[in-house]
N, C-alpha and C. Protein backbone atom coordinates (compact mmCIF):
# COMPACT_ATOMS: atom_id res chain seq x y z
N MET A 1 50.36 85.93 106.94
CA MET A 1 49.35 85.16 107.99
C MET A 1 47.85 86.20 108.59
N ALA A 2 47.83 87.19 108.34
CA ALA A 2 46.32 88.45 108.54
C ALA A 2 45.54 87.69 108.63
N THR A 3 45.34 87.32 110.14
CA THR A 3 44.00 87.05 110.52
C THR A 3 42.87 87.71 110.57
N ASP A 4 41.96 87.31 110.84
CA ASP A 4 41.00 88.74 111.13
C ASP A 4 41.37 89.29 112.18
N ALA A 5 41.30 88.69 113.51
CA ALA A 5 41.63 89.27 114.55
C ALA A 5 42.82 90.31 114.62
N TYR A 6 44.20 89.81 113.77
CA TYR A 6 45.41 90.67 113.70
C TYR A 6 44.57 92.06 112.12
N THR A 7 43.55 92.21 111.62
CA THR A 7 43.58 92.71 111.16
C THR A 7 42.61 93.90 111.51
N THR A 8 41.99 93.34 112.74
CA THR A 8 41.28 94.44 113.13
C THR A 8 41.74 95.11 114.24
N ARG A 9 42.60 94.39 114.97
CA ARG A 9 43.23 95.01 116.14
C ARG A 9 44.30 96.26 115.26
N ARG A 10 45.27 96.00 114.22
CA ARG A 10 45.98 97.03 113.64
C ARG A 10 45.49 98.00 113.48
N GLY A 11 43.77 97.89 113.14
CA GLY A 11 43.08 98.85 112.55
C GLY A 11 43.06 99.65 113.74
N GLU A 12 42.60 99.33 114.95
CA GLU A 12 42.43 99.75 115.88
C GLU A 12 43.71 100.54 116.36
N LEU A 13 44.87 100.13 116.49
CA LEU A 13 46.62 100.54 116.99
C LEU A 13 46.40 102.11 116.03
N GLU A 14 45.89 101.24 114.65
CA GLU A 14 46.47 102.87 113.78
C GLU A 14 45.77 103.92 114.25
N THR A 15 44.41 103.70 114.24
CA THR A 15 43.68 104.80 114.82
C THR A 15 44.09 105.38 115.70
N TYR A 16 44.36 104.58 117.02
CA TYR A 16 45.08 105.34 118.86
C TYR A 16 46.36 106.02 118.30
N PHE A 17 47.43 105.69 117.76
CA PHE A 17 48.59 105.99 117.58
C PHE A 17 48.51 107.13 116.38
N ASP A 18 47.31 106.72 115.50
CA ASP A 18 48.15 108.25 114.19
C ASP A 18 46.92 109.06 114.54
N ARG A 19 46.16 108.95 115.66
CA ARG A 19 44.59 110.22 116.11
C ARG A 19 44.51 110.72 117.54
N THR A 20 44.26 109.67 118.12
CA THR A 20 44.12 109.39 119.47
C THR A 20 44.72 110.25 120.25
N ALA A 21 46.03 109.37 120.31
CA ALA A 21 47.13 109.57 120.91
C ALA A 21 48.76 109.69 120.58
N ALA A 22 48.23 110.23 119.63
CA ALA A 22 49.97 111.01 118.60
C ALA A 22 50.75 112.35 119.75
N ASP A 23 49.69 113.11 119.79
CA ASP A 23 50.26 114.17 120.95
C ASP A 23 51.34 113.59 122.13
N ALA A 24 50.21 112.87 123.13
CA ALA A 24 50.35 112.49 124.60
C ALA A 24 52.02 111.01 123.80
N TRP A 25 51.95 110.58 122.78
CA TRP A 25 52.95 109.62 122.69
C TRP A 25 54.68 110.31 122.06
N ALA A 26 54.18 111.56 121.51
CA ALA A 26 54.98 112.11 121.13
C ALA A 26 55.68 112.97 122.58
N ARG A 27 55.22 113.28 123.19
CA ARG A 27 55.39 114.25 124.67
C ARG A 27 56.28 112.63 125.46
N LEU A 28 55.59 111.76 125.44
CA LEU A 28 56.23 110.49 126.21
C LEU A 28 57.70 110.40 125.71
N THR A 29 57.64 109.99 124.53
CA THR A 29 59.23 109.70 123.72
C THR A 29 59.60 111.01 123.64
N SER A 30 59.75 112.10 123.96
CA SER A 30 60.55 113.25 124.31
C SER A 30 60.84 113.74 125.84
N ASP A 31 61.96 114.38 125.77
CA ASP A 31 62.46 114.79 126.92
C ASP A 31 61.59 115.65 127.62
N ALA A 32 60.59 116.23 127.09
CA ALA A 32 59.43 116.97 128.22
C ALA A 32 59.00 116.39 129.16
N PRO A 33 58.96 117.03 130.32
CA PRO A 33 58.16 116.82 131.45
C PRO A 33 56.78 115.90 131.25
N VAL A 34 56.67 115.05 132.24
CA VAL A 34 55.44 114.19 132.10
C VAL A 34 55.23 113.90 133.16
N SER A 35 53.84 112.92 133.36
CA SER A 35 53.82 113.07 134.99
C SER A 35 54.30 111.91 135.87
N ARG A 36 54.28 111.23 137.29
CA ARG A 36 55.20 110.33 137.51
C ARG A 36 54.79 109.29 137.08
N ILE A 37 53.54 109.04 136.43
CA ILE A 37 53.31 107.77 136.02
C ILE A 37 53.49 107.46 134.66
N ARG A 38 53.92 108.40 133.95
CA ARG A 38 54.61 108.44 132.70
C ARG A 38 55.67 108.31 132.41
N ALA A 39 56.41 109.14 133.58
CA ALA A 39 57.72 109.43 133.62
C ALA A 39 58.56 107.64 134.18
N THR A 40 57.66 106.90 134.77
CA THR A 40 58.24 105.44 134.94
C THR A 40 57.83 104.37 133.47
N VAL A 41 57.08 104.99 132.68
CA VAL A 41 56.85 103.85 131.39
C VAL A 41 58.57 104.77 130.41
N ARG A 42 58.12 105.62 130.58
CA ARG A 42 59.50 106.36 129.90
C ARG A 42 60.94 105.61 130.36
N ALA A 43 60.82 105.52 131.51
CA ALA A 43 62.39 104.99 131.95
C ALA A 43 61.87 103.47 131.90
N GLY A 44 61.27 103.27 131.92
CA GLY A 44 61.08 101.40 131.58
C GLY A 44 61.53 101.32 129.62
N ARG A 45 61.25 101.98 129.03
CA ARG A 45 61.27 101.58 127.72
C ARG A 45 62.54 102.36 126.84
N ASP A 46 63.03 102.98 128.06
CA ASP A 46 64.74 103.35 127.80
C ASP A 46 65.34 102.13 128.19
N ARG A 47 65.48 101.80 129.39
CA ARG A 47 65.85 100.36 129.79
C ARG A 47 65.90 98.89 128.88
N MET A 48 64.49 99.06 128.40
CA MET A 48 64.05 97.47 127.73
C MET A 48 65.02 98.08 126.25
N ARG A 49 64.60 99.59 125.41
CA ARG A 49 65.72 99.79 124.44
C ARG A 49 67.21 99.21 124.41
N ALA A 50 68.03 99.71 125.33
CA ALA A 50 68.77 100.08 125.71
C ALA A 50 69.20 98.34 125.67
N THR A 51 68.44 97.41 126.63
CA THR A 51 68.43 96.34 126.24
C THR A 51 68.73 95.19 124.96
N LEU A 52 67.35 95.70 124.11
CA LEU A 52 67.61 95.05 122.55
C LEU A 52 69.21 95.51 122.31
N LEU A 53 69.00 96.32 121.96
CA LEU A 53 70.45 97.02 121.49
C LEU A 53 71.11 96.53 122.48
N SER A 54 71.75 95.95 123.19
CA SER A 54 72.90 95.18 123.83
C SER A 54 73.01 94.17 123.00
N TRP A 55 71.94 93.44 122.74
CA TRP A 55 71.79 91.64 122.27
C TRP A 55 72.54 92.55 120.74
N LEU A 56 72.62 93.24 119.66
CA LEU A 56 73.00 93.21 118.94
C LEU A 56 74.62 93.41 118.94
N PRO A 57 75.34 93.27 117.53
CA PRO A 57 76.33 93.64 117.51
C PRO A 57 76.80 94.94 117.90
N ASP A 58 77.64 95.22 118.24
CA ASP A 58 77.96 97.32 118.72
C ASP A 58 78.80 97.72 117.35
N ASP A 59 79.28 96.67 116.24
CA ASP A 59 79.19 97.08 115.09
C ASP A 59 78.75 96.68 114.22
N LEU A 60 77.36 97.76 113.44
CA LEU A 60 76.34 96.97 112.50
C LEU A 60 76.58 97.33 111.62
N ALA A 61 77.48 97.82 110.71
CA ALA A 61 77.78 98.24 109.51
C ALA A 61 77.83 97.15 108.53
N GLY A 62 77.45 97.52 107.61
CA GLY A 62 76.62 95.92 106.39
C GLY A 62 75.11 95.25 106.87
N HIS A 63 74.80 95.55 107.95
CA HIS A 63 74.01 94.88 108.34
C HIS A 63 72.76 95.29 108.26
N ARG A 64 71.44 94.34 107.76
CA ARG A 64 70.18 95.56 107.42
C ARG A 64 69.00 95.11 108.55
N LEU A 65 68.38 96.54 109.19
CA LEU A 65 67.35 95.95 110.53
C LEU A 65 66.46 96.64 109.88
N LEU A 66 65.21 95.75 110.10
CA LEU A 66 63.80 96.40 110.48
C LEU A 66 63.62 96.50 111.99
N ASP A 67 62.86 97.84 112.15
CA ASP A 67 62.43 98.17 113.05
C ASP A 67 61.09 98.36 113.29
N ALA A 68 60.40 97.36 113.60
CA ALA A 68 58.82 97.25 113.39
C ALA A 68 58.28 97.10 114.06
N GLY A 69 57.32 98.61 113.75
CA GLY A 69 56.96 99.15 115.20
C GLY A 69 57.52 100.13 115.38
N CYS A 70 58.26 101.20 114.60
CA CYS A 70 58.87 102.28 115.36
C CYS A 70 58.83 103.02 115.69
N GLY A 71 57.49 103.41 115.74
CA GLY A 71 57.07 104.91 116.69
C GLY A 71 58.02 106.33 116.05
N THR A 72 58.42 106.85 117.10
CA THR A 72 59.16 108.33 117.12
C THR A 72 60.81 107.95 116.89
N GLY A 73 61.14 106.43 116.48
CA GLY A 73 62.52 106.22 115.82
C GLY A 73 63.89 106.20 116.78
N ALA A 74 64.10 106.19 118.46
CA ALA A 74 64.89 105.90 118.76
C ALA A 74 65.49 104.98 118.74
N LEU A 75 64.42 103.74 118.70
CA LEU A 75 65.58 102.60 118.25
C LEU A 75 66.71 102.98 117.34
N SER A 76 65.74 103.08 116.07
CA SER A 76 66.45 103.42 114.44
C SER A 76 67.68 103.94 114.58
N LEU A 77 67.69 105.33 114.95
CA LEU A 77 68.42 106.17 115.59
C LEU A 77 69.66 105.72 116.03
N GLU A 78 69.52 104.47 117.28
CA GLU A 78 70.79 104.15 117.88
C GLU A 78 71.61 103.23 117.17
N ALA A 79 70.77 102.40 115.88
CA ALA A 79 71.15 101.69 115.51
C ALA A 79 71.92 101.97 114.21
N ALA A 80 71.56 103.09 114.22
CA ALA A 80 71.59 103.68 112.54
C ALA A 80 73.99 104.43 112.77
N ARG A 81 73.48 104.94 113.86
CA ARG A 81 74.68 104.87 114.35
C ARG A 81 75.76 104.50 114.91
N ARG A 82 74.97 103.25 115.23
CA ARG A 82 76.34 102.12 115.13
C ARG A 82 76.50 101.12 113.57
N GLY A 83 75.99 102.51 112.49
CA GLY A 83 76.27 101.89 110.92
C GLY A 83 75.26 100.90 110.24
N ALA A 84 74.19 100.27 111.04
CA ALA A 84 73.17 99.72 110.38
C ALA A 84 72.43 100.54 109.23
N ASP A 85 71.82 99.57 108.30
CA ASP A 85 71.07 100.19 107.38
C ASP A 85 69.66 99.93 107.71
N MET A 86 69.30 101.24 108.50
CA MET A 86 67.46 100.63 109.14
C MET A 86 66.56 100.90 107.87
N VAL A 87 65.48 100.02 108.51
CA VAL A 87 63.72 100.27 107.45
C VAL A 87 63.43 100.56 108.76
N ALA A 88 62.48 101.84 108.81
CA ALA A 88 61.91 101.74 110.03
C ALA A 88 60.11 101.81 109.54
N VAL A 89 59.45 100.94 110.18
CA VAL A 89 57.78 101.08 109.90
C VAL A 89 57.18 101.10 110.80
N ASP A 90 56.12 101.93 110.04
CA ASP A 90 54.79 101.93 111.39
C ASP A 90 53.92 102.16 110.86
N LEU A 91 52.43 102.24 111.62
CA LEU A 91 51.23 102.05 111.32
C LEU A 91 50.61 103.80 111.08
N SER A 92 51.48 104.29 112.09
CA SER A 92 51.02 105.73 111.93
C SER A 92 51.87 106.52 111.41
N PRO A 93 51.11 107.68 110.17
CA PRO A 93 51.60 108.46 109.38
C PRO A 93 52.27 109.60 110.44
N THR A 94 51.49 110.16 111.27
CA THR A 94 52.31 111.21 112.04
C THR A 94 53.05 110.45 113.15
N LEU A 95 53.43 109.19 113.52
CA LEU A 95 54.43 109.12 114.48
C LEU A 95 55.99 108.99 113.56
N ILE A 96 55.39 108.34 111.90
CA ILE A 96 56.45 108.43 111.00
C ILE A 96 57.03 109.92 110.96
N ALA A 97 56.21 110.50 110.43
CA ALA A 97 56.49 112.32 110.06
C ALA A 97 57.77 112.82 111.55
N LEU A 98 57.09 112.27 112.61
CA LEU A 98 57.82 113.19 114.12
C LEU A 98 59.29 112.07 113.95
N ALA A 99 59.57 111.03 113.66
CA ALA A 99 60.54 110.46 113.65
C ALA A 99 61.55 111.37 112.60
N ARG A 100 61.09 111.12 111.33
CA ARG A 100 62.06 111.66 110.65
C ARG A 100 62.37 113.17 110.49
N ASP A 101 61.82 114.41 111.50
CA ASP A 101 61.82 115.24 111.91
C ASP A 101 63.03 115.57 113.17
N ARG A 102 62.69 114.25 113.99
CA ARG A 102 63.86 114.32 114.80
C ARG A 102 65.05 113.83 114.76
N THR A 103 64.95 113.03 113.51
CA THR A 103 66.45 112.62 113.30
C THR A 103 67.15 113.11 111.99
N ALA A 104 66.40 114.17 111.38
CA ALA A 104 66.71 114.83 110.46
C ALA A 104 68.32 115.42 109.88
N ASP A 105 68.39 115.81 111.14
CA ASP A 105 69.63 116.43 111.50
C ASP A 105 70.85 115.82 112.64
N THR A 106 70.48 114.62 113.03
CA THR A 106 71.22 113.82 113.81
C THR A 106 72.62 113.30 113.16
N GLY A 107 73.16 113.18 111.90
CA GLY A 107 74.08 112.52 111.53
C GLY A 107 74.60 111.27 111.30
N ALA A 108 72.98 110.80 111.92
CA ALA A 108 73.20 109.14 111.88
C ALA A 108 73.06 108.63 110.66
N GLY A 109 73.48 107.43 110.67
CA GLY A 109 73.33 106.56 109.38
C GLY A 109 72.24 106.57 108.19
N ARG A 110 72.28 105.76 107.19
CA ARG A 110 70.57 105.65 106.99
C ARG A 110 69.51 105.17 107.71
N ILE A 111 68.36 105.63 107.49
CA ILE A 111 67.48 105.34 108.44
C ILE A 111 66.07 105.68 106.95
N ASP A 112 65.60 104.52 106.58
CA ASP A 112 64.52 104.42 105.65
C ASP A 112 62.92 104.44 106.12
N TYR A 113 62.28 105.42 106.44
CA TYR A 113 61.25 105.81 107.40
C TYR A 113 60.08 105.18 106.64
N ARG A 114 59.10 104.00 106.88
CA ARG A 114 57.82 103.89 105.85
C ARG A 114 57.11 103.86 106.74
N VAL A 115 56.16 104.09 106.27
CA VAL A 115 54.09 103.79 106.62
C VAL A 115 53.55 102.58 106.35
N GLY A 116 53.27 101.94 107.21
CA GLY A 116 52.77 100.30 106.67
C GLY A 116 52.44 99.51 107.62
N ASP A 117 52.62 98.30 107.31
CA ASP A 117 52.22 96.93 107.80
C ASP A 117 53.25 96.14 108.15
N MET A 118 54.26 96.22 109.51
CA MET A 118 55.63 95.64 109.44
C MET A 118 55.54 94.31 109.03
N LEU A 119 54.71 93.21 108.89
CA LEU A 119 54.65 92.14 108.21
C LEU A 119 55.07 92.18 106.92
N ASP A 120 54.90 93.50 106.05
CA ASP A 120 55.20 93.30 104.40
C ASP A 120 56.23 92.83 103.92
N PRO A 121 55.90 92.27 103.57
CA PRO A 121 57.46 90.87 102.63
C PRO A 121 57.77 91.79 101.86
N ALA A 122 57.40 93.21 101.20
CA ALA A 122 57.82 93.85 100.35
C ALA A 122 59.16 94.86 101.08
N PHE A 123 59.31 94.62 101.89
CA PHE A 123 60.49 95.29 102.60
C PHE A 123 61.30 94.74 102.70
N GLY A 124 61.42 93.78 102.33
CA GLY A 124 62.99 92.99 102.18
C GLY A 124 62.81 91.93 102.73
N ARG A 125 64.46 91.39 103.02
CA ARG A 125 64.87 90.55 104.14
C ARG A 125 66.19 91.61 105.07
N PHE A 126 66.12 90.86 106.10
CA PHE A 126 67.15 91.27 106.90
C PHE A 126 67.96 91.00 107.80
N ASP A 127 69.42 91.05 108.09
CA ASP A 127 70.02 90.40 109.08
C ASP A 127 69.70 90.35 110.25
N HIS A 128 68.88 91.25 111.12
CA HIS A 128 68.12 91.39 112.20
C HIS A 128 66.41 92.21 112.07
N VAL A 129 65.96 91.58 113.27
CA VAL A 129 64.31 91.82 113.25
C VAL A 129 64.21 92.31 114.46
N VAL A 130 63.73 94.07 115.01
CA VAL A 130 63.45 94.21 116.54
C VAL A 130 62.00 94.82 116.09
N ALA A 131 61.33 94.50 117.12
CA ALA A 131 59.95 94.81 117.56
C ALA A 131 59.88 95.04 119.08
N MET A 132 59.93 96.15 119.35
CA MET A 132 59.52 96.78 120.73
C MET A 132 58.59 96.93 120.66
N ASP A 133 57.76 96.27 122.01
CA ASP A 133 56.63 96.96 122.38
C ASP A 133 55.47 96.75 121.03
N SER A 134 55.97 96.15 120.27
CA SER A 134 54.96 96.55 119.12
C SER A 134 54.30 95.27 118.75
N LEU A 135 54.08 93.74 119.69
CA LEU A 135 53.05 92.86 119.36
C LEU A 135 52.57 92.87 120.96
N ILE A 136 52.48 93.90 121.47
CA ILE A 136 51.68 93.67 123.15
C ILE A 136 49.92 93.62 123.29
N HIS A 137 50.03 94.02 121.73
CA HIS A 137 48.15 93.89 121.83
C HIS A 137 47.46 92.87 121.23
N TYR A 138 48.72 91.65 120.73
CA TYR A 138 48.25 90.45 120.33
C TYR A 138 47.89 89.27 121.18
N GLN A 139 46.98 88.74 120.76
CA GLN A 139 46.60 87.22 121.49
C GLN A 139 48.02 86.50 121.01
N ALA A 140 48.33 85.32 121.70
CA ALA A 140 49.78 84.79 121.65
C ALA A 140 49.88 83.81 120.37
N ALA A 141 48.40 83.37 119.88
CA ALA A 141 48.67 83.15 118.42
C ALA A 141 49.19 83.54 117.33
N ASP A 142 48.85 84.88 117.55
CA ASP A 142 49.37 85.93 116.40
C ASP A 142 50.41 86.23 117.14
N VAL A 143 50.71 86.05 117.95
CA VAL A 143 51.99 86.88 118.08
C VAL A 143 53.06 86.00 117.56
N VAL A 144 52.63 84.55 117.62
CA VAL A 144 53.92 83.48 117.17
C VAL A 144 53.70 83.56 115.86
N ARG A 145 52.22 83.90 115.07
CA ARG A 145 52.69 83.74 113.25
C ARG A 145 53.09 85.34 113.21
N MET A 146 53.16 86.07 114.10
CA MET A 146 54.12 86.99 113.66
C MET A 146 55.69 86.89 113.78
N LEU A 147 56.04 86.28 114.42
CA LEU A 147 57.00 85.54 114.39
C LEU A 147 57.52 84.68 113.57
N ALA A 148 56.54 84.08 113.04
CA ALA A 148 57.37 83.20 111.87
C ALA A 148 56.99 84.16 110.64
N ALA A 149 56.49 84.87 110.66
CA ALA A 149 56.54 85.70 109.02
C ALA A 149 57.92 86.84 109.30
N PHE A 150 58.23 86.99 110.44
CA PHE A 150 59.47 88.16 110.54
C PHE A 150 60.90 86.66 110.09
N ALA A 151 60.45 85.21 110.80
CA ALA A 151 61.23 84.76 110.59
C ALA A 151 62.08 84.42 108.95
N GLU A 152 60.79 84.01 108.56
CA GLU A 152 61.18 84.15 106.77
C GLU A 152 61.67 85.46 106.28
N ARG A 153 61.94 86.30 106.91
CA ARG A 153 62.76 87.80 105.94
C ARG A 153 63.88 87.91 106.88
N ALA A 154 64.42 86.90 107.88
CA ALA A 154 65.70 87.32 108.68
C ALA A 154 66.58 86.59 108.52
N ASP A 155 67.94 86.87 108.83
CA ASP A 155 69.09 85.94 108.96
C ASP A 155 69.76 86.11 109.79
N ARG A 156 69.46 86.28 111.15
CA ARG A 156 70.21 86.45 112.39
C ARG A 156 69.45 86.17 113.75
N SER A 157 68.89 87.40 113.73
CA SER A 157 68.17 87.15 115.09
C SER A 157 66.81 88.13 115.16
N ILE A 158 65.91 87.30 115.74
CA ILE A 158 64.46 88.32 116.02
C ILE A 158 64.29 88.55 117.63
N LEU A 159 64.38 90.22 117.72
CA LEU A 159 64.39 90.86 118.86
C LEU A 159 62.89 90.89 119.29
N VAL A 160 62.25 90.79 120.03
CA VAL A 160 60.77 91.28 120.28
C VAL A 160 60.39 91.12 121.96
N THR A 161 59.43 92.03 121.91
CA THR A 161 58.91 92.35 123.39
C THR A 161 57.44 91.72 123.73
N PHE A 162 57.01 91.09 124.65
CA PHE A 162 55.80 90.79 124.61
C PHE A 162 55.27 91.62 126.43
N ALA A 163 54.30 91.21 126.84
CA ALA A 163 53.82 92.02 127.90
C ALA A 163 53.35 90.62 128.93
N PRO A 164 54.17 90.10 129.65
CA PRO A 164 54.16 88.85 130.61
C PRO A 164 52.85 89.14 131.44
N SER A 165 52.44 88.05 131.78
CA SER A 165 51.25 87.73 132.70
C SER A 165 51.90 88.09 134.18
N THR A 166 51.67 89.32 134.90
CA THR A 166 51.69 89.45 136.03
C THR A 166 50.23 89.51 137.03
N PRO A 167 50.46 89.58 138.25
CA PRO A 167 49.00 89.88 139.10
C PRO A 167 48.96 91.85 138.82
N LEU A 168 49.87 92.16 138.64
CA LEU A 168 49.52 93.76 138.46
C LEU A 168 48.95 94.05 137.10
N LEU A 169 49.88 93.09 136.02
CA LEU A 169 49.04 93.36 134.40
C LEU A 169 47.52 92.99 135.04
N ALA A 170 47.54 91.68 135.66
CA ALA A 170 46.00 91.35 135.50
C ALA A 170 45.17 92.92 135.97
N THR A 171 45.42 93.34 136.77
CA THR A 171 44.87 94.33 137.51
C THR A 171 44.26 95.45 136.51
N MET A 172 45.56 95.87 136.22
CA MET A 172 45.16 97.20 135.26
C MET A 172 44.57 96.55 134.16
N HIS A 173 44.07 95.51 133.52
CA HIS A 173 43.61 95.31 132.48
C HIS A 173 42.55 94.95 133.14
N ALA A 174 42.17 94.28 134.48
CA ALA A 174 40.51 94.68 135.02
C ALA A 174 39.80 96.00 134.93
N VAL A 175 40.90 97.14 135.44
CA VAL A 175 40.65 98.31 135.59
C VAL A 175 40.08 99.28 134.20
N GLY A 176 40.92 98.57 133.15
CA GLY A 176 40.81 99.32 131.88
C GLY A 176 39.60 99.17 131.28
N ARG A 177 39.21 97.53 131.45
CA ARG A 177 37.60 97.26 131.06
C ARG A 177 36.72 98.25 131.58
N MET A 178 36.98 98.66 133.19
CA MET A 178 35.68 99.56 133.36
C MET A 178 35.10 100.96 133.10
N MET A 179 37.08 101.57 132.20
CA MET A 179 36.93 102.82 131.84
C MET A 179 35.93 103.08 130.45
N PRO A 180 35.30 104.29 130.28
CA PRO A 180 34.22 104.12 128.89
C PRO A 180 35.46 103.69 127.87
N SER A 181 34.48 103.21 127.14
CA SER A 181 35.46 102.96 125.56
C SER A 181 36.18 104.25 125.05
N GLY A 182 35.78 105.23 125.39
CA GLY A 182 36.36 106.12 124.38
C GLY A 182 37.40 107.02 125.17
N ASN A 183 37.82 106.48 125.99
CA ASN A 183 38.73 106.80 126.82
C ASN A 183 40.06 105.51 126.97
N ARG A 184 39.67 104.45 126.11
CA ARG A 184 40.75 103.51 126.11
C ARG A 184 41.68 103.38 125.09
N ALA A 185 42.96 103.00 125.71
CA ALA A 185 44.16 102.30 124.16
C ALA A 185 44.07 101.04 124.43
N PRO A 186 44.34 100.69 122.77
CA PRO A 186 43.92 99.21 122.77
C PRO A 186 44.57 98.52 123.67
N LYS A 187 43.89 97.26 124.37
CA LYS A 187 43.83 96.92 125.34
C LYS A 187 45.49 96.07 125.36
N ILE A 188 46.29 96.27 125.83
CA ILE A 188 47.36 95.23 126.66
C ILE A 188 47.06 94.05 127.00
N VAL A 189 47.53 92.66 125.73
CA VAL A 189 47.24 91.36 126.01
C VAL A 189 48.38 90.52 127.07
N PRO A 190 48.50 90.65 127.98
CA PRO A 190 49.51 89.85 128.81
C PRO A 190 49.72 88.11 128.42
N ILE A 191 50.56 88.12 128.39
CA ILE A 191 50.65 86.53 127.68
C ILE A 191 51.75 86.14 128.69
N TRP A 192 51.35 84.57 128.73
CA TRP A 192 52.42 83.50 130.14
C TRP A 192 53.84 83.42 129.52
N GLU A 193 54.54 83.37 129.63
CA GLU A 193 55.58 83.06 129.25
C GLU A 193 56.55 81.51 128.50
N THR A 194 55.70 81.13 129.69
CA THR A 194 55.77 79.54 129.18
C THR A 194 54.58 79.26 127.83
N GLU A 195 53.57 79.53 127.78
CA GLU A 195 52.46 79.63 127.09
C GLU A 195 53.42 79.90 125.45
N LEU A 196 54.10 80.82 125.55
CA LEU A 196 54.57 81.46 124.60
C LEU A 196 56.22 80.65 123.63
N ARG A 197 56.46 79.98 125.10
CA ARG A 197 57.61 79.26 124.80
C ARG A 197 57.34 78.13 123.89
N ARG A 198 56.16 77.37 124.35
CA ARG A 198 55.65 75.98 123.89
C ARG A 198 54.97 76.34 122.51
N ARG A 199 54.38 77.33 122.43
CA ARG A 199 54.05 77.52 121.05
C ARG A 199 54.93 77.54 119.91
N ILE A 200 56.01 78.54 120.40
CA ILE A 200 57.29 78.44 119.48
C ILE A 200 57.93 77.08 118.94
N GLU A 201 57.95 76.69 119.93
CA GLU A 201 58.50 75.24 120.01
C GLU A 201 58.16 74.37 118.24
N ARG A 202 56.67 74.39 119.03
CA ARG A 202 55.82 73.76 118.52
C ARG A 202 55.49 74.31 116.72
N THR A 203 55.98 75.47 116.66
CA THR A 203 55.26 75.65 115.15
C THR A 203 56.89 75.55 114.18
N SER A 204 56.11 74.58 112.96
CA SER A 204 57.18 74.24 111.99
C SER A 204 57.68 75.39 111.39
N ARG A 205 57.31 76.48 111.19
CA ARG A 205 57.42 77.90 110.55
C ARG A 205 58.62 78.17 111.40
N LEU A 206 58.77 77.94 112.82
CA LEU A 206 60.22 78.28 113.74
C LEU A 206 61.18 77.82 113.67
N GLY A 207 61.27 76.29 112.99
CA GLY A 207 61.81 74.82 113.02
C GLY A 207 63.48 75.37 113.11
N GLY A 208 63.83 76.50 112.32
CA GLY A 208 65.30 76.73 111.79
C GLY A 208 65.96 78.12 113.35
N TRP A 209 64.71 78.50 114.32
CA TRP A 209 65.36 79.03 115.19
C TRP A 209 65.06 78.38 116.66
N GLU A 210 65.76 79.16 117.72
CA GLU A 210 65.77 78.90 118.54
C GLU A 210 65.45 79.73 119.71
N ILE A 211 65.08 79.44 121.17
CA ILE A 211 65.34 80.93 121.83
C ILE A 211 66.64 81.20 122.60
N GLY A 212 66.51 82.87 122.40
CA GLY A 212 67.82 82.99 123.40
C GLY A 212 68.14 83.38 124.45
N ARG A 213 68.17 84.94 124.40
CA ARG A 213 68.04 85.72 126.16
C ARG A 213 66.82 85.94 126.21
N THR A 214 66.26 86.14 127.08
CA THR A 214 65.47 86.87 127.50
C THR A 214 65.69 87.99 129.15
N CYS A 215 64.87 89.00 129.19
CA CYS A 215 65.10 90.27 130.13
C CYS A 215 63.51 90.48 130.67
N ARG A 216 63.07 90.84 131.74
CA ARG A 216 61.99 91.32 132.19
C ARG A 216 62.45 92.57 132.70
N ILE A 217 61.27 93.78 132.05
CA ILE A 217 61.67 95.06 132.32
C ILE A 217 60.37 95.90 133.02
N SER A 218 60.52 95.57 134.65
CA SER A 218 59.50 96.39 135.40
C SER A 218 60.11 98.23 136.27
N SER A 219 59.33 99.10 135.45
CA SER A 219 59.29 100.41 136.01
C SER A 219 58.10 100.84 136.19
N GLY A 220 57.39 100.51 137.64
CA GLY A 220 56.42 101.75 137.79
C GLY A 220 54.91 100.90 136.88
N PHE A 221 54.66 102.11 135.89
CA PHE A 221 53.67 101.12 135.50
C PHE A 221 54.09 100.50 133.76
N TYR A 222 54.85 100.37 133.94
CA TYR A 222 55.58 99.73 132.39
C TYR A 222 56.28 97.89 133.12
N THR A 223 55.88 97.09 132.35
CA THR A 223 56.12 95.98 132.42
C THR A 223 56.16 95.28 131.22
N SER A 224 57.43 94.99 130.64
CA SER A 224 57.77 94.06 129.20
C SER A 224 59.01 92.68 129.54
N GLN A 225 58.65 92.28 128.71
CA GLN A 225 59.22 91.07 128.42
C GLN A 225 60.19 91.03 127.04
N ALA A 226 61.79 91.25 126.94
CA ALA A 226 62.77 90.85 126.25
C ALA A 226 62.60 89.60 125.41
N LEU A 227 62.48 88.92 124.16
CA LEU A 227 62.89 87.65 123.89
C LEU A 227 63.38 87.78 122.89
N GLU A 228 64.59 87.08 122.34
CA GLU A 228 65.64 87.01 121.52
C GLU A 228 65.24 85.22 120.85
N LEU A 229 65.51 85.41 119.53
CA LEU A 229 65.03 84.13 118.76
C LEU A 229 66.63 83.69 117.65
N VAL A 230 67.37 83.47 118.06
CA VAL A 230 68.30 83.03 116.66
C VAL A 230 68.64 82.22 116.00
N ARG A 231 68.97 82.00 114.61
CA ARG A 231 68.75 80.82 113.91
C ARG A 231 69.69 79.86 114.98
N ARG A 232 69.31 78.79 114.30
CA ARG A 232 70.42 77.32 114.72
C ARG A 232 71.54 76.98 114.23
């Protein structure tokens, strides 16, 4: 499904998370002290991860899961502890190396960490696909194409998050455009929920799926919305 826009943005994300922000990301996803602003982001991400995990079966033994855009592996670790056979994929070799280090001595179940594109069909089929905050940098059309690509390899559910359009996110987006380009993270792309739902319902490749639960989490500078797709 790789469009030019998707390929370009994927390259930007790889550079940012693997080089520009690798140290900051490692700190944010640890228990090290951070600024008050980053503490709100950490708290929001913790709540979102707990929400997505609560939408999966309590007993994941025998279930194969894809953690798409796994970052430092926190979600994969929790799912593996519940018995899941995990494939955790990220574009950043630096973050994958950190994830391996953090989970090496935890006694959790099997986690197969891979550096690569989360849409690569070579990773095989899954019972569940989870993509936490890894689609928030893409336009709505590309998000739906990515959902359709996941759907071709998922048998039970797809759990993703997107950046919902809100006045706060619109303001932050405008401020970000005024910053020097060298200081910018790849921009978050706010999406209207109604638009996303409409696109999903009109996409023939998602015809065997329906929208399930949704949950918006706001914590200071963190706002993200979870969306569940389930097989009909």
